[in-house]
C-alpha atoms as a PDB file:
ATOM      1  CA  MET A   1      81.815 135.307 123.077  1.00  0.00           C
ATOM      2  CA  LEU A   2      84.702 137.269 123.951  1.00  0.00           C
ATOM      3  CA  LEU A   3      84.937 137.487 120.450  1.00  0.00           C
ATOM      4  CA  LYS A   4      82.129 138.244 119.409  1.00  0.00           C
ATOM      5  CA  VAL A   5      82.032 141.052 122.216  1.00  0.00           C
ATOM      6  CA  THR A   6      85.190 142.638 121.385  1.00  0.00           C
ATOM      7  CA  LEU A   7      83.759 142.625 117.694  1.00  0.00           C
ATOM      8  CA  LEU A   8      80.835 144.800 118.690  1.00  0.00           C
ATOM      9  CA  SER A   9      82.457 147.294 121.268  1.00  0.00           C
ATOM     10  CA  LEU A  10      84.705 148.157 118.173  1.00  0.00           C
ATOM     11  CA  GLY A  11      81.268 149.238 117.073  1.00  0.00           C
ATOM     12  CA  GLY A  12      79.774 149.471 113.414  1.00  0.00           C
ATOM     13  CA  GLY A  13      80.711 146.097 112.683  1.00  0.00           C
ATOM     14  CA  GLU A  14      78.914 142.616 112.505  1.00  0.00           C
ATOM     15  CA  ALA A  15      80.494 139.449 111.913  1.00  0.00           C
ATOM     16  CA  PRO A  16      78.659 136.608 111.358  1.00  0.00           C
ATOM     17  CA  LEU A  17      78.031 134.483 114.254  1.00  0.00           C
ATOM     18  CA  LEU A  18      78.908 131.023 113.140  1.00  0.00           C
ATOM     19  CA  ASP A  19      82.290 132.509 111.476  1.00  0.00           C
ATOM     20  CA  ILE A  20      83.510 133.822 114.936  1.00  0.00           C
ATOM     21  CA  VAL A  21      82.102 130.558 116.492  1.00  0.00           C
ATOM     22  CA  ALA A  22      84.600 128.647 113.919  1.00  0.00           C
ATOM     23  CA  TYR A  23      87.278 130.750 114.441  1.00  0.00           C
ATOM     24  CA  GLY A  24      87.345 130.103 118.103  1.00  0.00           C
ATOM     25  CA  GLY A  25      86.263 125.963 117.761  1.00  0.00           C
ATOM     26  CA  TYR A  26      89.215 125.627 115.992  1.00  0.00           C
ATOM     27  CA  SER A  27      91.292 125.689 119.622  1.00  0.00           C
ATOM     28  CA  PHE A  28      90.058 122.814 120.335  1.00  0.00           C
ATOM     29  CA  THR A  29      91.943 121.086 117.304  1.00  0.00           C
ATOM     30  CA  GLY A  30      95.276 122.406 118.219  1.00  0.00           C
ATOM     31  CA  MET A  31      94.471 121.288 121.752  1.00  0.00           C
ATOM     32  CA  CYS A  32      93.592 117.922 120.353  1.00  0.00           C
ATOM     33  CA  LEU A  33      96.898 117.325 118.774  1.00  0.00           C
ATOM     34  CA  ALA A  34      98.686 118.049 121.619  1.00  0.00           C
ATOM     35  CA  VAL A  35      96.933 115.781 123.865  1.00  0.00           C
ATOM     36  CA  LEU A  36      97.173 112.754 121.111  1.00  0.00           C
ATOM     37  CA  GLY A  37     101.059 114.015 121.210  1.00  0.00           C
ATOM     38  CA  ARG A  38     100.836 113.484 124.893  1.00  0.00           C
ATOM     39  CA  ILE A  39      99.465 109.825 124.920  1.00  0.00           C
ATOM     40  CA  ILE A  40     102.058 109.155 122.727  1.00  0.00           C
ATOM     41  CA  TRP A  41     105.024 110.379 123.515  1.00  0.00           C
ATOM     42  CA  ARG A  42     105.011 112.581 126.780  1.00  0.00           C
ATOM     43  CA  TYR A  43     107.190 115.023 126.820  1.00  0.00           C
ATOM     44  CA  SER A  44     105.966 116.063 123.224  1.00  0.00           C
ATOM     45  CA  TYR A  45     103.259 117.480 124.653  1.00  0.00           C
ATOM     46  CA  TYR A  46     105.359 120.298 125.603  1.00  0.00           C
ATOM     47  CA  PHE A  47     106.549 121.054 121.896  1.00  0.00           C
ATOM     48  CA  LEU A  48     103.029 120.567 120.497  1.00  0.00           C
ATOM     49  CA  MET A  49     100.834 123.091 122.659  1.00  0.00           C
ATOM     50  CA  PRO A  50     103.421 126.061 122.056  1.00  0.00           C
ATOM     51  CA  TRP A  51     103.686 125.218 118.227  1.00  0.00           C
ATOM     52  CA  THR A  52     100.070 124.672 117.982  1.00  0.00           C
ATOM     53  CA  CYS A  53      99.158 127.580 120.134  1.00  0.00           C
ATOM     54  CA  ILE A  54     101.669 129.569 117.772  1.00  0.00           C
ATOM     55  CA  CYS A  55      99.844 128.258 114.223  1.00  0.00           C
ATOM     56  CA  MET A  56      96.345 129.285 115.845  1.00  0.00           C
ATOM     57  CA  ALA A  57      97.574 133.088 116.764  1.00  0.00           C
ATOM     58  CA  ILE A  58      98.910 133.645 112.814  1.00  0.00           C
ATOM     59  CA  PHE A  59      95.801 131.811 111.904  1.00  0.00           C
ATOM     60  CA  LEU A  60      93.411 134.040 113.572  1.00  0.00           C
ATOM     61  CA  LEU A  61      95.567 137.041 113.315  1.00  0.00           C
ATOM     62  CA  ARG A  62      95.191 136.528 109.601  1.00  0.00           C
ATOM     63  CA  THR A  63      91.434 135.733 108.948  1.00  0.00           C
ATOM     64  CA  MET A  64      90.065 137.717 111.940  1.00  0.00           C
ATOM     65  CA  LYS A  65      92.205 140.766 109.701  1.00  0.00           C
ATOM     66  CA  ARG A  66      90.181 139.859 106.933  1.00  0.00           C
ATOM     67  CA  VAL A  67      87.015 140.141 109.105  1.00  0.00           C
ATOM     68  CA  LEU A  68      87.621 143.081 111.420  1.00  0.00           C
ATOM     69  CA  PHE A  69      88.651 145.276 108.103  1.00  0.00           C
ATOM     70  CA  ALA A  70      86.051 143.690 105.489  1.00  0.00           C
ATOM     71  CA  GLU A  71      83.004 144.341 108.162  1.00  0.00           C
ATOM     72  CA  VAL A  72      84.268 147.016 110.293  1.00  0.00           C
ATOM     73  CA  ARG A  73      83.067 150.616 108.404  1.00  0.00           C
ATOM     74  CA  SER A  74      84.498 153.039 111.060  1.00  0.00           C
ATOM     75  CA  TYR A  75      88.675 152.964 110.224  1.00  0.00           C
ATOM     76  CA  ASP A  76      90.449 152.950 113.755  1.00  0.00           C
ATOM     77  CA  SER A  77      93.644 151.147 113.232  1.00  0.00           C
ATOM     78  CA  SER A  78      94.871 151.361 116.448  1.00  0.00           C
ATOM     79  CA  LYS A  79      91.548 149.726 117.949  1.00  0.00           C
ATOM     80  CA  HIS A  80      91.790 147.144 115.816  1.00  0.00           C
ATOM     81  CA  HIS A  81      95.306 146.307 116.430  1.00  0.00           C
ATOM     82  CA  TYR A  82      94.855 145.878 119.418  1.00  0.00           C
ATOM     83  CA  LEU A  83      91.618 143.764 119.226  1.00  0.00           C
ATOM     84  CA  LEU A  84      94.176 141.102 116.979  1.00  0.00           C
ATOM     85  CA  LEU A  85      97.067 141.195 119.552  1.00  0.00           C
ATOM     86  CA  PHE A  86      95.111 140.400 122.339  1.00  0.00           C
ATOM     87  CA  ILE A  87      93.009 137.816 119.846  1.00  0.00           C
ATOM     88  CA  ALA A  88      96.546 137.052 119.264  1.00  0.00           C
ATOM     89  CA  LEU A  89      97.712 136.117 123.228  1.00  0.00           C
ATOM     90  CA  ALA A  90      94.616 135.008 124.790  1.00  0.00           C
ATOM     91  CA  GLN A  91      95.184 131.951 122.829  1.00  0.00           C
ATOM     92  CA  PHE A  92      98.504 130.942 125.351  1.00  0.00           C
ATOM     93  CA  PRO A  93      96.197 131.019 128.434  1.00  0.00           C
ATOM     94  CA  LEU A  94      93.855 129.373 126.057  1.00  0.00           C
ATOM     95  CA  PHE A  95      95.699 126.565 125.306  1.00  0.00           C
ATOM     96  CA  THR A  96      96.850 126.383 128.812  1.00  0.00           C
ATOM     97  CA  TRP A  97      93.944 126.413 130.212  1.00  0.00           C
ATOM     98  CA  LEU A  98      92.067 123.957 127.709  1.00  0.00           C
ATOM     99  CA  GLY A  99      95.375 121.206 127.657  1.00  0.00           C
ATOM    100  CA  ASN A 100      95.247 121.066 132.119  1.00  0.00           C
ATOM    101  CA  ILE A 101      95.048 117.527 131.827  1.00  0.00           C
ATOM    102  CA  SER A 102      94.929 116.479 135.451  1.00  0.00           C
ATOM    103  CA  VAL A 103      92.289 115.753 138.280  1.00  0.00           C
ATOM    104  CA  ASN A 104      91.989 119.198 139.936  1.00  0.00           C
ATOM    105  CA  TRP A 105      91.411 120.785 136.486  1.00  0.00           C
ATOM    106  CA  LEU A 106      90.348 124.273 138.460  1.00  0.00           C
ATOM    107  CA  PHE A 107      93.749 124.858 139.858  1.00  0.00           C
END
């Protein structure tokens, strides 16, 4: 939903909703890999989580760059670059929140 709102805030661009849902859903694949690593060997989570987070950020940068520049007619590169940077940096808190495996998951 955050990706859809940020794309609409740029104006003029209408990215398909199912594509955005698919891009957002890839985060769960990386987190499943990191959690599986934590189940197998406890300390591998701390290596796998940043690695999958960086891989997801690179994947989203490349695919969203293609979507942004293909769909948005009014080309303002500074806004697009800030949006891409925000999407990449948002992966770190998202992965941390999704990977919080504890009883008290709100804190």
